[in-house]
Amino acid sequence: MMYVLKRADGGISIMRLFRLNDGTFPDPKDEIAKWPVEQQEAVVEVVPLSESDIPNDRTFRSAWYLNGDNKIETDMSRAREIWKDRMRTARRPKLDELDRLHSRAIGRGNRTEADAIEAQRQSLRDVTDDPAIEKAQKPEELNAAWPSTLS
């Protein structure tokens, strides 16, 4: 059995319960009662859910919420922030390497090379400003907004 746990912070968690030896399923509220108190208190509602109602792509699961029809949807403003954070993480090692190369070029007095490297660094810093990120209305569109410079 699958359940969506609506949390006090507005997010959701998915809980899967497995059949007991006697063939029945445990009560989700009994299972939650076994958790630490602060986790119990975070759950404001338990809603049964079909496994087919869970999105296949879990990239933005931290942005999921339960709509008025008890269907999982993605809060796109939160999803955009998740996506930008992933971009920042992916670009960090690339920027570190370019920083090293830039310092080396400056140290050699090669301004032309340093300027070219600075242009690459700026391009990486700008990836989170891609208009496609703000235009995305669905998680799939956001997934498509991954720049080749980060691949």
Foldseek 3Di string as FASTA:
>chain_A
DKKWFQFPVQAIDIDDFDADPVRHTDDVLVVLVPDPPVSSNGGDDIGDDDPVLDDPDCLQNRQWGQDPVRGIDGPLVSVLVSLVVVLCVLCVVVLVVLVVVLVVCVVVVNVVSNVVSVVLNVVSVCLSVPVQSVVDPGPVSNVVSDDPSSD
